């Protein structure tokens, strides 16, 4: 499944969703900003109740604003309510800084490449 959203302010957010053995890998690319956050919510809405684990790869997200952060936190809460584990991987430095500044990075269990949990 793949989707995209065009922003009036420039930039495009694309989402690629792959599922295997109960784990859903969501690769985001572009800018996760106010005009673009619904694409992430829409991509995961039906998957949350059916999945045991969702891993969001943010390696190609070059910018995230507070609305993008809010959307990820909303998905975290929705996942918890659905008894689904939500993890973030490969945060770009600016995105990681946003999560650290808001003291929310600790909500997401560290996970490395290839969905292998780090100790």
N, C-alpha and C. Protein backbone atom coordinates (compact mmCIF):
# COMPACT_ATOMS: atom_id res chain seq x y z
N UNK A 1 0.85 -1.15 0.00
CA UNK A 1 0.00 0.00 0.00
C UNK A 1 0.90 1.23 0.00
N UNK A 2 0.56 2.21 -0.80
CA UNK A 2 1.37 3.41 -0.86
C UNK A 2 0.44 4.59 -1.04
N UNK A 3 0.80 5.70 -0.45
CA UNK A 3 0.00 6.89 -0.59
C UNK A 3 0.89 8.11 -0.60
N UNK A 4 0.32 9.23 -1.04
CA UNK A 4 1.08 10.47 -1.01
C UNK A 4 0.14 11.63 -0.83
N UNK A 5 0.70 12.74 -0.40
CA UNK A 5 -0.08 13.94 -0.18
C UNK A 5 0.75 15.13 -0.63
N UNK A 6 0.17 16.01 -1.40
CA UNK A 6 0.87 17.21 -1.82
C UNK A 6 0.57 18.33 -0.84
N UNK A 7 1.56 19.15 -0.58
CA UNK A 7 1.42 20.27 0.33
C UNK A 7 1.47 21.57 -0.45
N UNK A 8 0.64 22.54 -0.06
CA UNK A 8 0.67 23.85 -0.69
C UNK A 8 1.98 24.56 -0.41
N UNK A 9 2.59 24.26 0.73
CA UNK A 9 3.83 24.94 1.09
C UNK A 9 5.06 24.29 0.48
N UNK A 10 4.87 23.31 -0.36
CA UNK A 10 6.00 22.62 -0.99
C UNK A 10 6.31 21.33 -0.28
N UNK A 11 6.84 20.39 -1.01
CA UNK A 11 7.19 19.11 -0.42
C UNK A 11 6.04 18.13 -0.47
N UNK A 12 6.39 16.87 -0.47
CA UNK A 12 5.40 15.80 -0.54
C UNK A 12 5.74 14.79 0.54
N UNK A 13 4.72 14.26 1.17
CA UNK A 13 4.91 13.17 2.12
C UNK A 13 4.39 11.90 1.46
N UNK A 14 5.21 10.87 1.44
CA UNK A 14 4.76 9.59 0.93
C UNK A 14 4.91 8.54 2.03
N UNK A 15 4.03 7.56 1.97
CA UNK A 15 4.00 6.49 2.94
C UNK A 15 3.98 5.18 2.18
N UNK A 16 4.87 4.27 2.56
CA UNK A 16 4.88 2.92 1.98
C UNK A 16 4.65 1.95 3.14
N UNK A 17 3.67 1.09 3.02
CA UNK A 17 3.31 0.16 4.09
C UNK A 17 3.54 -1.27 3.60
N UNK A 18 4.30 -2.02 4.39
CA UNK A 18 4.55 -3.43 4.10
C UNK A 18 4.22 -4.23 5.35
N UNK A 19 3.63 -5.40 5.18
CA UNK A 19 3.26 -6.22 6.32
C UNK A 19 3.85 -7.61 6.17
N UNK A 20 4.37 -8.13 7.30
CA UNK A 20 4.93 -9.48 7.28
C UNK A 20 4.89 -10.05 8.69
N UNK A 21 4.30 -11.23 8.82
CA UNK A 21 4.27 -11.97 10.08
C UNK A 21 3.78 -11.13 11.26
N UNK A 22 2.72 -10.38 11.08
CA UNK A 22 2.15 -9.61 12.17
C UNK A 22 2.81 -8.27 12.44
N UNK A 23 3.90 -7.97 11.73
CA UNK A 23 4.58 -6.69 11.89
C UNK A 23 4.34 -5.85 10.64
N UNK A 24 3.99 -4.61 10.85
CA UNK A 24 3.78 -3.67 9.76
C UNK A 24 4.93 -2.68 9.76
N UNK A 25 5.61 -2.54 8.62
CA UNK A 25 6.68 -1.56 8.46
C UNK A 25 6.13 -0.40 7.65
N UNK A 26 6.20 0.79 8.21
CA UNK A 26 5.71 2.00 7.56
C UNK A 26 6.90 2.89 7.28
N UNK A 27 7.19 3.12 6.00
CA UNK A 27 8.30 4.00 5.62
C UNK A 27 7.73 5.34 5.20
N UNK A 28 8.13 6.37 5.91
CA UNK A 28 7.70 7.74 5.60
C UNK A 28 8.82 8.45 4.88
N UNK A 29 8.46 9.31 3.94
CA UNK A 29 9.45 10.07 3.20
C UNK A 29 8.92 11.48 2.99
N UNK A 30 9.78 12.47 3.19
CA UNK A 30 9.40 13.85 2.94
C UNK A 30 9.20 14.63 4.22
N UNK A 31 8.21 15.51 4.20
CA UNK A 31 7.93 16.40 5.32
C UNK A 31 6.64 15.97 6.01
N UNK A 32 6.73 15.71 7.30
CA UNK A 32 5.56 15.34 8.08
C UNK A 32 5.10 16.59 8.82
N UNK A 33 4.29 17.39 8.13
CA UNK A 33 3.87 18.70 8.64
C UNK A 33 2.34 18.81 8.58
N UNK A 34 1.82 19.93 9.07
CA UNK A 34 0.38 20.15 9.22
C UNK A 34 -0.43 19.64 8.04
N UNK A 35 -0.07 20.00 6.84
CA UNK A 35 -0.85 19.64 5.66
C UNK A 35 -0.71 18.17 5.27
N UNK A 36 0.19 17.44 5.92
CA UNK A 36 0.54 16.10 5.47
C UNK A 36 0.23 14.99 6.47
N UNK A 37 -0.19 15.31 7.67
CA UNK A 37 -0.28 14.27 8.70
C UNK A 37 -1.43 13.28 8.51
N UNK A 38 -2.47 13.69 7.81
CA UNK A 38 -3.60 12.77 7.62
C UNK A 38 -3.20 11.53 6.82
N UNK A 39 -2.22 11.65 5.94
CA UNK A 39 -1.81 10.49 5.15
C UNK A 39 -1.27 9.38 6.05
N UNK A 40 -0.54 9.75 7.11
CA UNK A 40 -0.03 8.75 8.04
C UNK A 40 -1.17 8.13 8.83
N UNK A 41 -2.07 8.96 9.33
CA UNK A 41 -3.23 8.46 10.08
C UNK A 41 -4.08 7.54 9.21
N UNK A 42 -4.34 7.96 7.98
CA UNK A 42 -5.17 7.16 7.08
C UNK A 42 -4.52 5.82 6.74
N UNK A 43 -3.19 5.82 6.59
CA UNK A 43 -2.48 4.59 6.25
C UNK A 43 -2.55 3.57 7.37
N UNK A 44 -2.62 4.04 8.63
CA UNK A 44 -2.58 3.12 9.77
C UNK A 44 -3.94 2.85 10.41
N UNK A 45 -4.94 3.63 10.08
CA UNK A 45 -6.26 3.53 10.74
C UNK A 45 -6.79 2.10 10.79
N UNK A 46 -6.81 1.41 9.67
CA UNK A 46 -7.36 0.06 9.62
C UNK A 46 -6.36 -1.01 10.06
N UNK A 47 -5.08 -0.67 10.08
CA UNK A 47 -4.05 -1.64 10.44
C UNK A 47 -3.87 -1.79 11.95
N UNK A 48 -4.12 -0.73 12.71
CA UNK A 48 -3.89 -0.77 14.15
C UNK A 48 -4.62 -1.92 14.85
N UNK A 49 -5.91 -2.09 14.63
CA UNK A 49 -6.60 -3.17 15.35
C UNK A 49 -6.17 -4.57 14.92
N UNK A 50 -5.58 -4.70 13.74
CA UNK A 50 -5.24 -6.02 13.18
C UNK A 50 -3.78 -6.39 13.41
N UNK A 51 -2.95 -5.45 13.85
CA UNK A 51 -1.51 -5.68 13.92
C UNK A 51 -1.04 -5.84 15.36
N UNK A 52 -0.01 -6.63 15.52
CA UNK A 52 0.62 -6.77 16.84
C UNK A 52 1.72 -5.74 17.02
N UNK A 53 2.34 -5.35 15.91
CA UNK A 53 3.50 -4.46 15.99
C UNK A 53 3.57 -3.61 14.73
N UNK A 54 3.77 -2.31 14.93
CA UNK A 54 3.96 -1.40 13.81
C UNK A 54 5.27 -0.66 14.03
N UNK A 55 6.11 -0.67 13.01
CA UNK A 55 7.39 0.02 13.06
C UNK A 55 7.35 1.14 12.02
N UNK A 56 7.55 2.36 12.50
CA UNK A 56 7.56 3.52 11.61
C UNK A 56 9.01 3.94 11.37
N UNK A 57 9.44 3.85 10.12
CA UNK A 57 10.79 4.22 9.71
C UNK A 57 10.77 5.68 9.26
N UNK A 58 11.49 6.53 10.01
CA UNK A 58 11.51 7.96 9.72
C UNK A 58 12.84 8.41 9.11
N UNK A 59 13.59 7.48 8.55
CA UNK A 59 14.92 7.81 8.02
C UNK A 59 14.87 8.82 6.88
N UNK A 60 13.75 8.87 6.15
CA UNK A 60 13.67 9.79 5.02
C UNK A 60 12.71 10.95 5.28
N UNK A 61 12.38 11.17 6.55
CA UNK A 61 11.60 12.35 6.92
C UNK A 61 12.59 13.45 7.23
N UNK A 62 12.63 14.46 6.36
CA UNK A 62 13.62 15.52 6.53
C UNK A 62 13.14 16.64 7.44
N UNK A 63 11.84 16.67 7.74
CA UNK A 63 11.33 17.71 8.64
C UNK A 63 10.01 17.25 9.23
N UNK A 64 9.82 17.53 10.52
CA UNK A 64 8.56 17.24 11.20
C UNK A 64 8.24 18.42 12.09
N UNK A 65 7.00 18.93 12.00
CA UNK A 65 6.61 20.01 12.88
C UNK A 65 5.81 19.45 14.06
N UNK A 66 5.26 20.34 14.89
CA UNK A 66 4.54 19.89 16.07
C UNK A 66 3.28 19.10 15.71
N UNK A 67 2.69 19.38 14.56
CA UNK A 67 1.52 18.62 14.13
C UNK A 67 1.92 17.19 13.77
N UNK A 68 3.07 17.03 13.11
CA UNK A 68 3.58 15.70 12.80
C UNK A 68 3.87 14.92 14.07
N UNK A 69 4.49 15.59 15.04
CA UNK A 69 4.76 14.97 16.33
C UNK A 69 3.45 14.56 17.00
N UNK A 70 2.49 15.46 16.98
CA UNK A 70 1.19 15.16 17.57
C UNK A 70 0.52 13.96 16.92
N UNK A 71 0.66 13.86 15.60
CA UNK A 71 0.05 12.73 14.88
C UNK A 71 0.72 11.43 15.30
N UNK A 72 2.03 11.41 15.43
CA UNK A 72 2.74 10.20 15.85
C UNK A 72 2.31 9.82 17.28
N UNK A 73 2.16 10.81 18.15
CA UNK A 73 1.73 10.53 19.52
C UNK A 73 0.28 10.04 19.55
N UNK A 74 -0.56 10.58 18.69
CA UNK A 74 -1.94 10.09 18.56
C UNK A 74 -1.93 8.62 18.13
N UNK A 75 -1.08 8.29 17.17
CA UNK A 75 -0.99 6.90 16.71
C UNK A 75 -0.46 5.99 17.81
N UNK A 76 0.45 6.51 18.62
CA UNK A 76 0.97 5.74 19.75
C UNK A 76 -0.17 5.38 20.71
N UNK A 77 -0.99 6.38 21.05
CA UNK A 77 -2.12 6.15 21.96
C UNK A 77 -3.13 5.19 21.33
N UNK A 78 -3.40 5.35 20.05
CA UNK A 78 -4.33 4.46 19.35
C UNK A 78 -3.81 3.03 19.32
N UNK A 79 -2.50 2.89 19.11
CA UNK A 79 -1.89 1.56 19.11
C UNK A 79 -2.03 0.91 20.48
N UNK A 80 -1.75 1.66 21.53
CA UNK A 80 -1.89 1.12 22.89
C UNK A 80 -3.32 0.64 23.14
N UNK A 81 -4.29 1.44 22.72
CA UNK A 81 -5.69 1.06 22.91
C UNK A 81 -6.06 -0.18 22.11
N UNK A 82 -5.34 -0.44 21.02
CA UNK A 82 -5.59 -1.61 20.18
C UNK A 82 -4.68 -2.79 20.55
N UNK A 83 -3.93 -2.65 21.65
CA UNK A 83 -2.98 -3.68 22.09
C UNK A 83 -1.95 -3.98 21.01
N UNK A 84 -1.47 -2.91 20.39
CA UNK A 84 -0.47 -3.00 19.33
C UNK A 84 0.77 -2.22 19.81
N UNK A 85 1.94 -2.74 19.50
CA UNK A 85 3.19 -2.08 19.85
C UNK A 85 3.60 -1.17 18.69
N UNK A 86 3.89 0.10 19.00
CA UNK A 86 4.31 1.06 17.99
C UNK A 86 5.74 1.47 18.27
N UNK A 87 6.62 1.33 17.27
CA UNK A 87 8.03 1.67 17.41
C UNK A 87 8.45 2.64 16.32
N UNK A 88 9.43 3.46 16.64
CA UNK A 88 10.04 4.36 15.67
C UNK A 88 11.47 3.93 15.44
N UNK A 89 11.92 4.00 14.18
CA UNK A 89 13.31 3.67 13.87
C UNK A 89 13.89 4.73 12.95
N UNK A 90 15.21 4.82 12.99
CA UNK A 90 15.98 5.63 12.04
C UNK A 90 15.53 7.09 12.00
N UNK A 91 15.46 7.71 13.15
CA UNK A 91 15.08 9.11 13.22
C UNK A 91 16.22 9.99 12.74
N UNK A 92 15.92 10.88 11.82
CA UNK A 92 16.90 11.87 11.38
C UNK A 92 17.22 12.76 12.57
N UNK A 93 18.41 13.37 12.61
CA UNK A 93 18.80 14.18 13.77
C UNK A 93 17.79 15.25 14.17
N UNK A 94 17.22 15.98 13.22
CA UNK A 94 16.25 17.03 13.56
C UNK A 94 14.97 16.45 14.12
N UNK A 95 14.56 15.31 13.60
CA UNK A 95 13.34 14.66 14.09
C UNK A 95 13.59 14.11 15.49
N UNK A 96 14.74 13.48 15.69
CA UNK A 96 15.10 12.97 17.02
C UNK A 96 15.13 14.11 18.03
N UNK A 97 15.67 15.25 17.63
CA UNK A 97 15.75 16.40 18.53
C UNK A 97 14.35 16.86 18.96
N UNK A 98 13.39 16.84 18.05
CA UNK A 98 12.02 17.22 18.37
C UNK A 98 11.44 16.28 19.43
N UNK A 99 11.65 14.98 19.28
CA UNK A 99 11.16 14.02 20.26
C UNK A 99 11.87 14.19 21.60
N UNK A 100 13.17 14.48 21.56
CA UNK A 100 13.92 14.68 22.80
C UNK A 100 13.49 15.95 23.51
N UNK A 101 13.28 17.04 22.77
CA UNK A 101 12.87 18.32 23.37
C UNK A 101 11.52 18.20 24.06
N UNK A 102 10.66 17.36 23.54
CA UNK A 102 9.33 17.19 24.11
C UNK A 102 9.26 16.01 25.09
N UNK A 103 10.41 15.40 25.35
CA UNK A 103 10.52 14.28 26.28
C UNK A 103 9.54 13.15 25.94
N UNK A 104 9.41 12.85 24.65
CA UNK A 104 8.50 11.79 24.21
C UNK A 104 9.23 10.61 23.57
N UNK A 105 10.52 10.74 23.35
CA UNK A 105 11.27 9.66 22.69
C UNK A 105 11.22 8.37 23.51
N UNK A 106 11.19 8.50 24.83
CA UNK A 106 11.20 7.32 25.69
C UNK A 106 9.92 6.49 25.59
N UNK A 107 8.87 7.03 24.97
CA UNK A 107 7.63 6.26 24.79
C UNK A 107 7.80 5.12 23.80
N UNK A 108 8.77 5.26 22.92
CA UNK A 108 8.94 4.30 21.84
C UNK A 108 10.14 3.42 22.12
N UNK A 109 9.90 2.11 22.15
CA UNK A 109 10.98 1.17 22.42
C UNK A 109 12.02 1.26 21.32
N UNK A 110 13.30 1.38 21.70
CA UNK A 110 14.34 1.43 20.67
C UNK A 110 14.33 0.17 19.80
N UNK A 111 14.48 0.37 18.53
CA UNK A 111 14.45 -0.73 17.57
C UNK A 111 15.46 -0.40 16.48
N UNK A 112 16.28 -1.35 16.09
CA UNK A 112 17.31 -1.08 15.10
C UNK A 112 16.88 -1.46 13.70
N UNK A 113 17.83 -1.51 12.81
CA UNK A 113 17.54 -1.91 11.43
C UNK A 113 16.98 -3.32 11.40
N UNK A 114 16.19 -3.58 10.42
CA UNK A 114 15.59 -4.90 10.19
C UNK A 114 14.68 -5.31 11.34
N UNK A 115 14.12 -4.31 12.06
CA UNK A 115 13.15 -4.55 13.12
C UNK A 115 13.69 -5.44 14.23
N UNK A 116 14.97 -5.36 14.54
CA UNK A 116 15.58 -6.13 15.61
C UNK A 116 15.64 -5.24 16.85
N UNK A 117 15.06 -5.69 17.93
CA UNK A 117 15.07 -4.90 19.15
C UNK A 117 16.50 -4.76 19.65
N UNK A 118 16.82 -3.57 20.13
CA UNK A 118 18.14 -3.31 20.69
C UNK A 118 18.04 -3.43 22.21
N UNK A 119 19.10 -3.94 22.86
CA UNK A 119 19.04 -4.06 24.32
C UNK A 119 19.61 -2.84 24.99
